[in-house]
């Protein structure tokens, strides 16, 4: 009987590893050393043929070559069958901004009102729209440029305020003109670029149309202030054409204008202000209103010397051709002729004398006053009315009713009281002789001049500059040289804040038909000393108002004159004596 195995029975081994005996511990490599290439294959990769092993050891044969799936398929299968968590897909790279524009980095999409609002804000604060749309570099660049331009404009304006006269320089006007044109184009482009930066194409069609129309109107509107500045400068340049570019070439004593000393060392400068009556039904020019403004160049204190238009038989300087023709006075051979207001036109009618109207009148008045007249400015009466209308009228204290028109004043009446008169009313107020005389209207004329000097302030002039220029171009004539204008503007600012007094040569102190020429000169000298602040002896007989004498003369008149012998009755009321009163006091400003 066969013996039973001592251990538990095991099923017989089959397969490729059936012939491998089981032993305890690690199994030795069954491949003999120094075997050939076929022996290098490990047993777990061999396929047993199932035949009984031959003597001498186990035999192994290589498995037949089996062509598997491609490597890519094997990798995919491995990934599917391999245990473990599934792999996460790789994140996609971030998308960059689309070509041709940038989406806003912050803020919600703009509505039609938002696009219009931000564009309008950019017209005031350049760069605001670019910052809103995320274009920070462009926004900061616009904002910085605007800051530089603003600072430059402020510095330029402070310079003008510090030297008001420089505003009429040719270089200043050219700078403003060119700057206005450049800034107008720059602001137009700024508004347009601000609108585009907000990407209005994202709006609905209706929003695009509305915003486009509004922004187009805004582009034109932002150019309006610069266009106004350019128009104003052009008007100023046209007005300056009325001033001669150089000093009067006909004056052999003319001195070039020096910037350091424009008045050539003079303490006072004298301007002859003429109101010309060149009506359409009259030939030539009659200088019906003549006043000399003597201005202290240091203080601006001014004296107005009013000369009657009917002052007869005035004399000329020794070197004047008219003095050789009229040694005894202008047309003294005529008993009722030779009025002062005829001198201008007489010289114009006889150019062979070698002196023209302005120079002849300046010479006659200089000789009469004993005061050299430096420059003149003539204003046509009807042009003056247009000038008054251009500044919105003049407020005048009308002391009594003034009738005007014809002999009896049938055209109308200017009622007494403080009233704002238009140009036509101012003209009648200064010229009417209904119920009065030449001397009364002389007093009203000086009040008109004082009101104009007081009320034509720089803001009023600037606000109505174009109208003023249009009125002045047809009424203005002068020999003030253009290089002197900037200094004249500065002097005018002093006069506006200084004291303006007046002296008139009217009865009973001066009778126009038989004037005391020496007394006139003394009255002038006394008024100048008082204006300069120098005390002078008081003498009755100097009129500072059409309604009262001014007791101010340099010294008592040592000898009787024809003026003193005249009766005291006069068409001009003289019951109110005044002493060194200003126009503000005399005219009730």
Protein backbone atom coordinates (compact mmCIF):
# COMPACT_ATOMS: atom_id res chain seq x y z
CA UNK A 1 0.00 0.00 0.00
CA UNK A 2 1.44 3.23 -0.87
CA UNK A 3 2.37 5.55 1.93
CA UNK A 4 0.16 8.68 2.49
CA UNK A 5 1.78 12.02 2.42
CA UNK A 6 2.59 13.56 5.77
CA UNK A 7 1.25 17.06 4.88
CA UNK A 8 -1.98 18.21 3.43
CA UNK A 9 -2.58 17.31 -0.14
CA UNK A 10 -2.17 20.04 -2.83
CA UNK A 11 -3.56 19.98 -6.29
CA UNK A 12 -1.16 19.16 -9.02
CA UNK A 13 0.61 22.18 -10.55
CA UNK A 14 -0.20 22.96 -14.09
CA UNK A 15 0.77 25.82 -16.35
CA UNK A 16 4.06 27.31 -17.08
CA UNK A 17 5.37 27.17 -13.56
CA UNK A 18 4.35 23.53 -12.73
CA UNK A 19 7.84 22.21 -13.04
CA UNK A 20 9.32 24.69 -10.60
CA UNK A 21 9.87 22.87 -7.34
CA UNK A 22 8.72 24.63 -4.20
CA UNK A 23 11.39 25.22 -1.72
CA UNK A 24 11.57 27.33 1.29
CA UNK A 25 13.28 30.65 1.08
CA UNK A 26 14.34 32.55 -1.97
CA UNK A 27 14.59 30.60 -5.19
CA UNK A 28 17.83 30.58 -7.12
CA UNK A 29 17.85 31.94 -10.62
CA UNK A 30 17.17 28.86 -12.81
CA UNK A 31 19.08 30.44 -15.68
CA UNK A 32 22.59 29.06 -15.66
CA UNK A 33 25.42 31.48 -15.68
CA UNK A 34 27.11 32.22 -18.95
CA UNK A 35 23.94 31.24 -20.80
CA UNK A 36 23.18 32.62 -24.19
CA UNK A 37 20.75 35.32 -25.11
CA UNK A 38 17.79 32.95 -24.89
CA UNK A 39 18.59 32.16 -21.27
CA UNK A 40 18.35 35.78 -20.19
CA UNK A 41 14.55 35.70 -20.27
CA UNK A 42 13.02 35.43 -16.81
CA UNK A 43 10.77 32.43 -16.06
CA UNK A 44 7.73 34.63 -15.45
CA UNK A 45 7.91 35.77 -19.08
CA UNK A 46 8.17 32.19 -20.49
CA UNK A 47 5.31 30.05 -21.66
CA UNK A 48 5.50 26.37 -20.76
CA UNK A 49 4.81 24.12 -23.65
CA UNK A 50 3.07 21.53 -21.47
CA UNK A 51 5.49 18.77 -22.52
CA UNK A 52 7.24 16.83 -19.84
CA UNK A 53 10.60 18.16 -19.00
CA UNK A 54 13.53 16.48 -20.31
CA UNK A 55 16.20 15.13 -18.16
CA UNK A 56 18.82 17.54 -17.09
CA UNK A 57 16.55 20.38 -15.79
CA UNK A 58 13.50 22.36 -16.67
CA UNK A 59 13.23 23.61 -20.18
CA UNK A 60 11.67 26.98 -21.13
CA UNK A 61 10.60 28.29 -24.46
CA UNK A 62 9.93 32.02 -25.26
CA UNK A 63 6.33 32.99 -25.78
CA UNK A 64 5.29 33.65 -29.30
CA UNK A 65 5.48 37.30 -30.34
CA UNK A 66 2.06 38.88 -30.06
CA UNK A 67 1.51 42.25 -31.72
CA UNK A 68 -0.38 44.42 -29.26
CA UNK A 69 -2.22 47.69 -29.77
CA UNK A 70 -0.33 50.88 -30.53
CA UNK A 71 1.50 52.66 -27.73
CA UNK A 72 -1.02 55.52 -27.65
CA UNK A 73 -3.89 53.06 -27.15
CA UNK A 74 -2.02 51.22 -24.42
CA UNK A 75 -1.40 54.53 -22.61
CA UNK A 76 -5.04 55.41 -22.88
CA UNK A 77 -6.15 52.02 -21.64
CA UNK A 78 -3.72 52.24 -18.78
CA UNK A 79 -5.16 55.59 -17.78
CA UNK A 80 -8.67 54.22 -17.84
CA UNK A 81 -7.95 51.05 -15.93
CA UNK A 82 -5.32 52.35 -13.57
CA UNK A 83 -6.79 52.83 -10.12
CA UNK A 84 -6.64 56.27 -8.44
CA UNK A 85 -8.33 59.68 -8.66
CA UNK A 86 -9.06 61.04 -12.15
CA UNK A 87 -6.74 63.65 -13.53
CA UNK A 88 -7.96 67.32 -13.69
CA UNK A 89 -7.79 69.00 -17.08
CA UNK A 90 -5.10 71.65 -17.43
CA UNK A 91 -6.46 75.21 -17.08
CA UNK A 92 -6.75 77.27 -20.27
CA UNK A 93 -4.38 80.25 -20.66
CA UNK A 94 -5.97 83.61 -19.89
CA UNK A 95 -7.30 85.46 -22.91
CA UNK A 96 -5.71 88.83 -23.68
CA UNK A 97 -7.55 92.01 -24.73
CA UNK A 98 -9.04 91.99 -28.15
CA UNK A 99 -7.15 93.81 -30.81
CA UNK A 100 -8.25 97.37 -31.55
CA UNK A 101 -9.50 98.36 -28.05
CA UNK A 102 -9.54 97.67 -24.35
CA UNK A 103 -12.49 96.74 -22.26
CA UNK A 104 -13.00 98.91 -19.15
CA UNK A 105 -11.10 97.48 -16.21
CA UNK A 106 -13.63 98.73 -13.69
CA UNK A 107 -17.12 100.11 -13.58
CA UNK A 108 -20.31 98.95 -15.16
CA UNK A 109 -20.96 99.51 -18.88
CA UNK A 110 -21.90 103.11 -19.63
CA UNK A 111 -25.34 104.21 -20.68
CA UNK A 112 -26.02 106.91 -23.26
CA UNK A 113 -26.26 109.53 -20.52
CA UNK A 114 -23.04 108.28 -18.96
CA UNK A 115 -21.13 108.58 -22.24
CA UNK A 116 -22.42 112.13 -22.74
CA UNK A 117 -21.72 113.08 -19.12
CA UNK A 118 -18.17 111.79 -19.05
CA UNK A 119 -17.42 113.43 -22.39
CA UNK A 120 -18.76 116.76 -21.12
CA UNK A 121 -16.70 116.41 -17.94
CA UNK A 122 -13.60 115.89 -20.06
CA UNK A 123 -14.17 119.29 -21.65
CA UNK A 124 -13.68 120.78 -18.17
CA UNK A 125 -11.25 118.24 -16.70
CA UNK A 126 -9.29 116.77 -19.61
CA UNK A 127 -8.51 113.08 -19.17
CA UNK A 128 -11.58 112.21 -17.10
CA UNK A 129 -13.14 110.08 -19.84
CA UNK A 130 -9.88 108.24 -20.50
CA UNK A 131 -9.52 107.39 -16.82
CA UNK A 132 -13.09 106.13 -16.74
CA UNK A 133 -12.49 103.88 -19.72
CA UNK A 134 -9.33 102.39 -18.19
CA UNK A 135 -6.79 104.25 -20.33
CA UNK A 136 -4.87 105.61 -17.40
CA UNK A 137 -1.69 106.65 -19.18
CA UNK A 138 -3.59 108.76 -21.69
CA UNK A 139 -5.82 110.15 -18.94
CA UNK A 140 -2.91 111.23 -16.76
CA UNK A 141 -1.14 112.69 -19.80
CA UNK A 142 -4.17 114.86 -20.68
CA UNK A 143 -4.62 115.89 -17.07
CA UNK A 144 -0.96 116.87 -16.70
CA UNK A 145 -0.98 118.85 -19.95
CA UNK A 146 -4.10 120.69 -18.84
CA UNK A 147 -2.39 121.59 -15.56
CA UNK A 148 0.60 123.04 -17.40
CA UNK A 149 -1.65 125.08 -19.73
CA UNK A 150 -3.70 126.33 -16.79
CA UNK A 151 -0.63 127.45 -14.85
CA UNK A 152 0.75 129.20 -17.94
CA UNK A 153 -2.57 131.01 -18.48
CA UNK A 154 -2.66 132.15 -14.84
CA UNK A 155 0.90 133.46 -15.02
CA UNK A 156 0.10 135.25 -18.28
CA UNK A 157 -3.03 136.80 -16.76
CA UNK A 158 -1.19 137.94 -13.64
CA UNK A 159 1.40 139.58 -15.86
CA UNK A 160 -1.33 141.47 -17.73
CA UNK A 161 -2.98 142.60 -14.48
CA UNK A 162 0.36 143.77 -13.17
CA UNK A 163 0.94 145.82 -16.33
CA UNK A 164 -2.43 146.68 -17.82
CA UNK A 165 -0.87 148.65 -20.62
CA UNK A 166 0.81 145.55 -21.99
CA UNK A 167 -2.63 144.31 -23.07
CA UNK A 168 -2.51 146.63 -26.11
CA UNK A 169 0.96 145.62 -27.23
CA UNK A 170 1.15 144.09 -30.67
CA UNK A 171 3.10 141.13 -29.30
CA UNK A 172 0.45 140.47 -26.62
CA UNK A 173 -2.40 140.63 -29.11
CA UNK A 174 -0.59 138.28 -31.49
CA UNK A 175 0.08 135.82 -28.66
CA UNK A 176 -3.57 135.79 -27.64
CA UNK A 177 -4.71 135.38 -31.25
CA UNK A 178 -2.42 132.42 -31.97
CA UNK A 179 -3.06 130.85 -28.58
CA UNK A 180 -6.82 131.07 -29.08
CA UNK A 181 -6.62 129.29 -32.43
CA UNK A 182 -4.39 126.51 -31.06
CA UNK A 183 -6.50 125.94 -27.95
CA UNK A 184 -9.73 125.90 -29.96
CA UNK A 185 -8.42 123.06 -32.14
CA UNK A 186 -6.94 121.27 -29.12
CA UNK A 187 -10.22 121.32 -27.19
CA UNK A 188 -12.14 120.16 -30.23
CA UNK A 189 -9.82 117.16 -30.57
CA UNK A 190 -9.90 116.52 -26.82
CA UNK A 191 -13.69 116.21 -26.71
CA UNK A 192 -13.70 113.97 -29.77
CA UNK A 193 -11.00 111.62 -28.40
CA UNK A 194 -12.74 111.48 -25.02
CA UNK A 195 -15.95 110.39 -26.71
CA UNK A 196 -14.21 107.68 -28.74
CA UNK A 197 -12.37 106.34 -25.68
CA UNK A 198 -15.72 105.54 -24.03
CA UNK A 199 -16.54 103.14 -26.89
CA UNK A 200 -19.92 104.53 -27.91
CA UNK A 201 -20.23 101.70 -30.48
CA UNK A 202 -21.34 99.46 -27.59
CA UNK A 203 -24.46 101.56 -27.15
CA UNK A 204 -27.67 100.70 -28.94
CA UNK A 205 -28.23 102.39 -32.25
CA UNK A 206 -30.46 105.07 -30.80
CA UNK A 207 -27.91 105.82 -28.09
CA UNK A 208 -25.14 106.16 -30.66
CA UNK A 209 -27.17 108.68 -32.65
CA UNK A 210 -28.16 110.76 -29.61
CA UNK A 211 -24.68 110.78 -28.08
CA UNK A 212 -23.08 111.59 -31.44
CA UNK A 213 -25.34 114.61 -31.99
CA UNK A 214 -24.81 115.94 -28.45
CA UNK A 215 -21.05 115.47 -28.55
CA UNK A 216 -20.89 117.14 -31.97
CA UNK A 217 -22.63 120.19 -30.54
CA UNK A 218 -20.26 120.08 -27.56
CA UNK A 219 -17.24 120.08 -29.88
CA UNK A 220 -18.48 123.31 -31.43
CA UNK A 221 -19.42 124.83 -28.07
CA UNK A 222 -15.97 124.37 -26.53
CA UNK A 223 -14.50 126.38 -29.40
CA UNK A 224 -16.80 129.36 -28.80
CA UNK A 225 -14.78 131.06 -25.98
CA UNK A 226 -11.59 130.88 -28.01
CA UNK A 227 -13.40 132.19 -31.09
CA UNK A 228 -14.71 135.12 -29.00
CA UNK A 229 -11.18 135.88 -27.79
CA UNK A 230 -9.86 135.83 -31.35
CA UNK A 231 -12.68 138.10 -32.56
CA UNK A 232 -11.99 140.55 -29.74
CA UNK A 233 -8.30 140.67 -30.57
CA UNK A 234 -9.05 141.24 -34.25
CA UNK A 235 -11.35 144.11 -33.32
CA UNK A 236 -8.67 145.62 -31.08
CA UNK A 237 -6.13 145.42 -33.89
CA UNK A 238 -8.56 147.17 -36.23
CA UNK A 239 -9.03 149.95 -33.68
CA UNK A 240 -5.29 150.35 -33.27
CA UNK A 241 -5.07 151.14 -36.98
CA UNK A 242 -6.53 154.57 -36.11
CA UNK A 243 -3.37 155.36 -34.18
CA UNK A 244 -0.28 156.37 -36.15
CA UNK A 245 2.44 153.75 -36.00
CA UNK A 246 5.12 156.36 -35.28
CA UNK A 247 5.22 159.77 -33.74
CA UNK A 248 3.79 162.60 -35.82
CA UNK A 249 6.34 163.00 -38.60
CA UNK A 250 5.08 166.54 -39.26
CA UNK A 251 6.18 167.72 -35.84
CA UNK A 252 9.88 168.65 -35.92
CA UNK A 253 9.97 168.63 -32.13
CA UNK A 254 8.64 165.10 -31.88
CA UNK A 255 10.61 162.87 -29.51
CA UNK A 256 10.71 159.06 -29.87
CA UNK A 257 8.78 157.13 -27.23
CA UNK A 258 11.02 155.53 -24.61
CA UNK A 259 9.73 152.62 -22.57
CA UNK A 260 11.63 153.77 -19.46
CA UNK A 261 10.35 157.36 -19.75
CA UNK A 262 7.40 157.53 -22.16
CA UNK A 263 6.51 161.10 -21.15
CA UNK A 264 10.05 162.37 -21.74
CA UNK A 265 10.53 163.71 -18.23
CA UNK A 266 7.25 165.66 -18.14
CA UNK A 267 5.33 165.89 -14.90
CA UNK A 268 2.07 166.60 -16.74
CA UNK A 269 0.79 165.59 -20.14
CA UNK A 270 -1.98 167.52 -21.88
CA UNK A 271 -4.62 166.04 -24.19
CA UNK A 272 -7.03 168.08 -26.30
CA UNK A 273 -10.43 166.35 -26.37
CA UNK A 274 -12.58 167.50 -29.27
CA UNK A 275 -16.21 166.88 -30.02
CA UNK A 276 -16.65 167.36 -33.75
CA UNK A 277 -19.96 168.30 -35.33
CA UNK A 278 -19.83 166.83 -38.83
CA UNK A 279 -23.52 166.60 -39.64
CA UNK A 280 -24.66 165.50 -43.08
CA UNK A 281 -26.12 168.93 -43.91
CA UNK A 282 -22.88 170.76 -43.09
CA UNK A 283 -19.61 171.07 -44.89
CA UNK A 284 -16.42 170.36 -43.01
CA UNK A 285 -15.94 169.86 -39.28
CA UNK A 286 -16.89 172.24 -36.53
CA UNK A 287 -15.17 171.63 -33.20
CA UNK A 288 -18.10 172.55 -30.96
CA UNK A 289 -16.69 170.94 -27.81
CA UNK A 290 -13.07 171.56 -26.79
CA UNK A 291 -11.57 170.57 -23.47
CA UNK A 292 -7.96 170.10 -22.43
CA UNK A 293 -7.28 167.34 -19.94
CA UNK A 294 -4.08 168.10 -18.04
CA UNK A 295 -2.96 164.92 -16.26
CA UNK A 296 -0.35 164.51 -13.55
CA UNK A 297 1.60 161.46 -14.68
CA UNK A 298 2.53 160.51 -11.10
CA UNK A 299 -0.79 160.82 -9.30
CA UNK A 300 -3.33 160.84 -12.14
CA UNK A 301 -4.97 164.02 -10.81
CA UNK A 302 -6.63 165.69 -13.77
CA UNK A 303 -7.92 169.16 -14.61
CA UNK A 304 -10.40 169.75 -17.41
CA UNK A 305 -10.04 173.18 -19.03
CA UNK A 306 -13.22 173.85 -21.01
CA UNK A 307 -12.95 176.42 -23.78
CA UNK A 308 -16.05 178.09 -25.24
CA UNK A 309 -16.62 177.33 -28.90
CA UNK A 310 -17.35 181.05 -29.49
CA UNK A 311 -14.07 182.28 -28.01
CA UNK A 312 -13.12 184.98 -30.52
CA UNK A 313 -9.87 186.13 -32.07
CA UNK A 314 -7.51 183.63 -30.50
CA UNK A 315 -3.80 184.08 -31.14
CA UNK A 316 -1.20 181.67 -32.51
CA UNK A 317 2.41 181.03 -31.57
CA UNK A 318 5.11 183.17 -33.12
CA UNK A 319 6.37 180.37 -35.35
CA UNK A 320 2.95 179.46 -36.74
CA UNK A 321 2.10 180.46 -40.33
CA UNK A 322 -1.33 181.54 -39.05
CA UNK A 323 0.32 184.08 -36.75
CA UNK A 324 1.85 185.81 -39.75
CA UNK A 325 -1.54 185.92 -41.42
CA UNK A 326 -3.47 186.93 -38.28
CA UNK A 327 -1.07 188.94 -36.10
CA UNK A 328 -3.96 190.58 -34.22
CA UNK A 329 -5.90 187.39 -33.66
CA UNK A 330 -7.80 184.89 -35.75
CA UNK A 331 -9.85 186.82 -38.31
CA UNK A 332 -9.91 189.88 -36.09
CA UNK A 333 -11.05 191.95 -39.07
CA UNK A 334 -14.47 190.33 -38.79
CA UNK A 335 -16.57 191.83 -36.00
CA UNK A 336 -18.56 188.69 -35.29
CA UNK A 337 -16.26 186.08 -36.84
CA UNK A 338 -13.07 184.31 -35.95
CA UNK A 339 -14.57 181.79 -33.52
CA UNK A 340 -12.40 179.12 -31.98
CA UNK A 341 -14.48 176.32 -33.47
CA UNK A 342 -13.60 177.57 -36.99
CA UNK A 343 -9.82 177.24 -36.71
CA UNK A 344 -9.66 173.56 -37.64
CA UNK A 345 -11.73 173.86 -40.79
CA UNK A 346 -10.03 177.08 -41.88
CA UNK A 347 -6.62 175.40 -41.87
CA UNK A 348 -8.10 172.44 -43.77
CA UNK A 349 -9.59 174.75 -46.39
CA UNK A 350 -6.23 176.52 -46.95
CA UNK A 351 -3.55 173.83 -47.01
CA UNK A 352 -1.17 176.27 -48.74
CA UNK A 353 -0.60 177.84 -45.32
CA UNK A 354 1.54 174.85 -44.40
CA UNK A 355 -0.43 173.79 -41.33
CA UNK A 356 -3.37 171.40 -41.13
CA UNK A 357 -6.45 171.56 -38.93
CA UNK A 358 -5.31 169.50 -35.91
CA UNK A 359 -1.98 171.29 -35.62
CA UNK A 360 -3.60 174.72 -36.07
CA UNK A 361 -6.15 174.11 -33.32
CA UNK A 362 -3.55 172.67 -30.95
CA UNK A 363 -1.35 175.70 -31.51
CA UNK A 364 -4.19 178.16 -30.90
CA UNK A 365 -5.30 176.48 -27.66
CA UNK A 366 -1.71 176.07 -26.41
CA UNK A 367 -1.11 179.78 -26.93
CA UNK A 368 -4.41 180.68 -25.24
CA UNK A 369 -3.82 178.57 -22.12
CA UNK A 370 -0.07 179.03 -21.86
CA UNK A 371 0.04 175.24 -21.73
CA UNK A 372 1.59 173.01 -24.38
CA UNK A 373 -0.96 170.59 -25.83
CA UNK A 374 0.80 167.29 -26.47
CA UNK A 375 -1.86 165.21 -28.22
CA UNK A 376 -5.41 165.46 -29.44
CA UNK A 377 -8.31 163.06 -29.93
CA UNK A 378 -11.44 164.00 -31.85
CA UNK A 379 -14.78 162.22 -31.46
CA UNK A 380 -17.71 162.75 -33.81
CA UNK A 381 -20.86 163.63 -31.90
CA UNK A 382 -23.04 160.96 -33.50
CA UNK A 383 -20.31 158.39 -33.12
CA UNK A 384 -20.13 159.36 -29.45
CA UNK A 385 -23.82 158.56 -29.10
CA UNK A 386 -23.13 155.11 -30.57
CA UNK A 387 -20.29 154.71 -28.08
CA UNK A 388 -22.62 155.46 -25.17
CA UNK A 389 -25.11 152.91 -26.47
CA UNK A 390 -22.29 150.36 -26.75
CA UNK A 391 -21.60 150.50 -23.01
CA UNK A 392 -25.28 150.42 -22.09
CA UNK A 393 -25.87 154.14 -21.47
CA UNK A 394 -24.65 156.62 -18.87
CA UNK A 395 -26.11 157.39 -15.47
CA UNK A 396 -26.24 161.17 -15.12
CA UNK A 397 -27.67 163.39 -12.42
CA UNK A 398 -29.87 165.78 -14.42
CA UNK A 399 -30.16 168.87 -12.26
CA UNK A 400 -33.11 170.38 -14.12
CA UNK A 401 -35.40 169.50 -17.00
CA UNK A 402 -33.62 169.70 -20.35
CA UNK A 403 -35.77 170.41 -23.40
CA UNK A 404 -34.32 169.60 -26.80
CA UNK A 405 -35.17 169.86 -30.46
CA UNK A 406 -35.64 173.10 -32.39
CA UNK A 407 -35.90 176.50 -30.78
CA UNK A 408 -38.62 175.59 -28.30
CA UNK A 409 -37.61 172.04 -27.42
CA UNK A 410 -40.48 170.29 -29.13
CA UNK A 411 -38.58 167.02 -29.68
CA UNK A 412 -38.64 165.97 -26.05
CA UNK A 413 -37.60 166.60 -22.48
CA UNK A 414 -35.02 164.94 -20.24
CA UNK A 415 -36.56 165.03 -16.78
CA UNK A 416 -34.54 166.04 -13.73
CA UNK A 417 -33.11 163.36 -11.46
CA UNK A 418 -30.65 160.51 -11.68
CA UNK A 419 -31.31 158.78 -14.96
CA UNK A 420 -29.62 156.33 -17.28
CA UNK A 421 -29.51 158.09 -20.65
CA UNK A 422 -29.01 156.36 -23.97
CA UNK A 423 -26.75 157.69 -26.68
CA UNK A 424 -29.28 160.04 -28.27
CA UNK A 425 -30.35 161.45 -24.91
CA UNK A 426 -26.73 161.99 -23.85
CA UNK A 427 -26.15 163.84 -27.10
CA UNK A 428 -29.09 166.15 -26.50
CA UNK A 429 -28.16 166.58 -22.84
CA UNK A 430 -24.70 167.83 -23.82
CA UNK A 431 -25.78 169.95 -26.79
CA UNK A 432 -29.19 171.43 -26.10
CA UNK A 433 -29.38 175.21 -25.75
CA UNK A 434 -33.14 175.43 -25.34
CA UNK A 435 -33.71 177.79 -22.41
CA UNK A 436 -29.95 178.02 -21.73
CA UNK A 437 -26.71 178.97 -23.50
CA UNK A 438 -23.32 177.72 -24.63
CA UNK A 439 -21.84 178.01 -21.15
CA UNK A 440 -24.53 175.90 -19.54
CA UNK A 441 -24.08 173.13 -22.07
CA UNK A 442 -20.30 173.31 -21.53
CA UNK A 443 -20.96 172.41 -17.92
CA UNK A 444 -23.15 169.49 -18.98
CA UNK A 445 -20.52 168.30 -21.42
CA UNK A 446 -17.89 168.01 -18.72
CA UNK A 447 -20.36 165.99 -16.63
CA UNK A 448 -20.77 163.64 -19.60
CA UNK A 449 -16.99 163.21 -19.82
CA UNK A 450 -16.76 162.60 -16.07
CA UNK A 451 -19.56 160.03 -16.17
CA UNK A 452 -17.91 158.22 -19.06
CA UNK A 453 -14.55 158.14 -17.30
CA UNK A 454 -16.17 156.81 -14.13
CA UNK A 455 -18.61 154.28 -15.57
CA UNK A 456 -16.56 152.86 -18.46
CA UNK A 457 -14.80 150.42 -16.13
CA UNK A 458 -12.60 147.61 -17.50
CA UNK A 459 -15.31 144.94 -16.96
CA UNK A 460 -17.84 147.08 -18.84
CA UNK A 461 -15.39 147.76 -21.66
CA UNK A 462 -14.44 144.09 -22.00
CA UNK A 463 -18.06 142.94 -21.95
CA UNK A 464 -18.96 145.36 -24.76
CA UNK A 465 -15.60 145.58 -26.48
CA UNK A 466 -16.73 144.60 -29.98
CA UNK A 467 -19.56 147.15 -29.95
CA UNK A 468 -17.23 149.84 -28.62
CA UNK A 469 -14.71 149.17 -31.35
CA UNK A 470 -17.37 149.30 -34.06
CA UNK A 471 -18.54 152.67 -32.74
CA UNK A 472 -15.03 154.04 -32.23
CA UNK A 473 -13.78 153.12 -35.70
CA UNK A 474 -16.07 155.64 -37.35
CA UNK A 475 -15.67 158.45 -34.86
CA UNK A 476 -12.09 158.44 -33.74
CA UNK A 477 -9.15 160.51 -34.96
CA UNK A 478 -5.97 161.18 -33.05
CA UNK A 479 -2.25 161.83 -33.23
CA UNK A 480 -1.39 159.68 -30.20
CA UNK A 481 1.36 157.33 -31.42
CA UNK A 482 0.76 153.61 -31.13
CA UNK A 483 3.89 152.92 -29.03
CA UNK A 484 2.47 155.29 -26.40
CA UNK A 485 -0.80 153.40 -26.02
CA UNK A 486 0.34 150.93 -23.38
CA UNK A 487 1.61 153.79 -21.22
CA UNK A 488 -1.58 155.75 -21.88
CA UNK A 489 -3.70 152.83 -20.64
CA UNK A 490 -1.67 152.69 -17.44
CA UNK A 491 -2.11 156.44 -16.99
CA UNK A 492 -5.84 156.11 -17.61
CA UNK A 493 -6.12 153.60 -14.76
CA UNK A 494 -4.55 156.21 -12.47
CA UNK A 495 -6.96 158.90 -13.67
CA UNK A 496 -9.96 156.70 -12.96
CA UNK A 497 -9.10 156.54 -9.25
CA UNK A 498 -7.74 160.09 -8.97
CA UNK A 499 -9.36 163.49 -8.49
CA UNK A 500 -10.78 165.25 -11.54
CA UNK A 501 -11.47 168.97 -11.28
CA UNK A 502 -12.65 171.48 -13.83
CA UNK A 503 -12.05 175.09 -14.79
CA UNK A 504 -14.22 176.97 -17.30
CA UNK A 505 -13.60 180.30 -18.96
CA UNK A 506 -17.12 181.69 -18.89
CA UNK A 507 -18.78 184.97 -17.92
CA UNK A 508 -18.59 186.93 -15.77
CA UNK A 509 -14.92 186.02 -15.31
CA UNK A 510 -14.07 185.61 -19.02
CA UNK A 511 -16.11 187.10 -21.86
CA UNK A 512 -15.59 185.20 -25.10
CA UNK A 513 -15.96 188.29 -27.29
CA UNK A 514 -13.17 190.17 -25.50
CA UNK A 515 -11.19 187.64 -23.53
CA UNK A 516 -8.45 188.61 -21.10
CA UNK A 517 -5.70 186.28 -22.34
CA UNK A 518 -3.36 186.92 -19.43
CA UNK A 519 -6.06 186.18 -16.90
CA UNK A 520 -6.78 182.89 -18.64
CA UNK A 521 -3.13 181.90 -18.29
CA UNK A 522 -3.13 182.79 -14.59
CA UNK A 523 -6.27 180.73 -14.02
CA UNK A 524 -4.60 177.76 -15.68
CA UNK A 525 -1.43 178.11 -13.61
CA UNK A 526 -3.42 178.35 -10.38
CA UNK A 527 -5.52 175.29 -11.17
CA UNK A 528 -2.39 173.24 -11.92
CA UNK A 529 -0.73 174.27 -8.66
CA UNK A 530 -3.80 173.27 -6.70
CA UNK A 531 -4.04 169.96 -8.53
CA UNK A 532 -0.42 169.29 -7.62
CA UNK A 533 -1.18 170.02 -3.98
CA UNK A 534 0.56 173.40 -3.82
CA UNK A 535 -1.32 176.15 -1.98
CA UNK A 536 -2.07 179.35 -3.87
CA UNK A 537 -3.52 182.70 -2.91
CA UNK A 538 -7.29 182.86 -3.25
CA UNK A 539 -8.78 185.25 -5.75
CA UNK A 540 -12.42 185.52 -6.67
CA UNK A 541 -13.23 185.02 -10.28
CA UNK A 542 -12.29 181.48 -11.29
CA UNK A 543 -15.16 179.23 -12.27
CA UNK A 544 -15.03 175.53 -11.51
CA UNK A 545 -18.61 174.93 -12.55
CA UNK A 546 -21.12 176.28 -15.01
CA UNK A 547 -23.16 177.36 -12.02
CA UNK A 548 -20.60 179.11 -9.86
CA UNK A 549 -17.24 180.91 -9.70
CA UNK A 550 -14.13 179.25 -8.38
CA UNK A 551 -12.17 181.60 -6.13
CA UNK A 552 -8.76 180.22 -7.00
CA UNK A 553 -6.10 182.19 -8.82
CA UNK A 554 -2.36 182.43 -8.48
CA UNK A 555 -2.31 186.04 -7.31
CA UNK A 556 -4.58 189.08 -7.23
CA UNK A 557 -4.89 190.68 -10.62
CA UNK A 558 -2.82 193.87 -10.29
CA UNK A 559 -4.65 195.77 -13.00
CA UNK A 560 -8.28 196.03 -14.04
CA UNK A 561 -9.19 194.02 -17.10
CA UNK A 562 -12.08 194.19 -19.53
CA UNK A 563 -13.42 191.07 -17.85
CA UNK A 564 -13.64 192.77 -14.45
CA UNK A 565 -15.50 195.74 -15.88
CA UNK A 566 -18.28 193.58 -17.34
CA UNK A 567 -21.63 193.43 -15.56
CA UNK A 568 -22.33 190.44 -13.39
CA UNK A 569 -25.51 189.51 -15.22
CA UNK A 570 -24.97 186.40 -17.32
CA UNK A 571 -27.09 183.75 -18.97
CA UNK A 572 -25.30 181.20 -16.78
CA UNK A 573 -26.43 181.08 -13.15
CA UNK A 574 -23.52 181.94 -10.86
CA UNK A 575 -25.12 181.89 -7.46
CA UNK A 576 -23.33 178.77 -6.20
CA UNK A 577 -19.69 179.46 -5.55
CA UNK A 578 -17.40 176.43 -5.55
CA UNK A 579 -13.79 176.03 -4.57
CA UNK A 580 -11.70 173.23 -6.02
CA UNK A 581 -14.61 170.86 -6.39
CA UNK A 582 -14.29 167.60 -8.24
CA UNK A 583 -16.57 166.50 -11.02
CA UNK A 584 -18.14 163.99 -8.64
CA UNK A 585 -19.22 166.88 -6.43
CA UNK A 586 -20.18 169.25 -9.23
CA UNK A 587 -22.12 166.71 -11.26
CA UNK A 588 -23.58 164.73 -8.39
CA UNK A 589 -22.03 161.37 -9.26
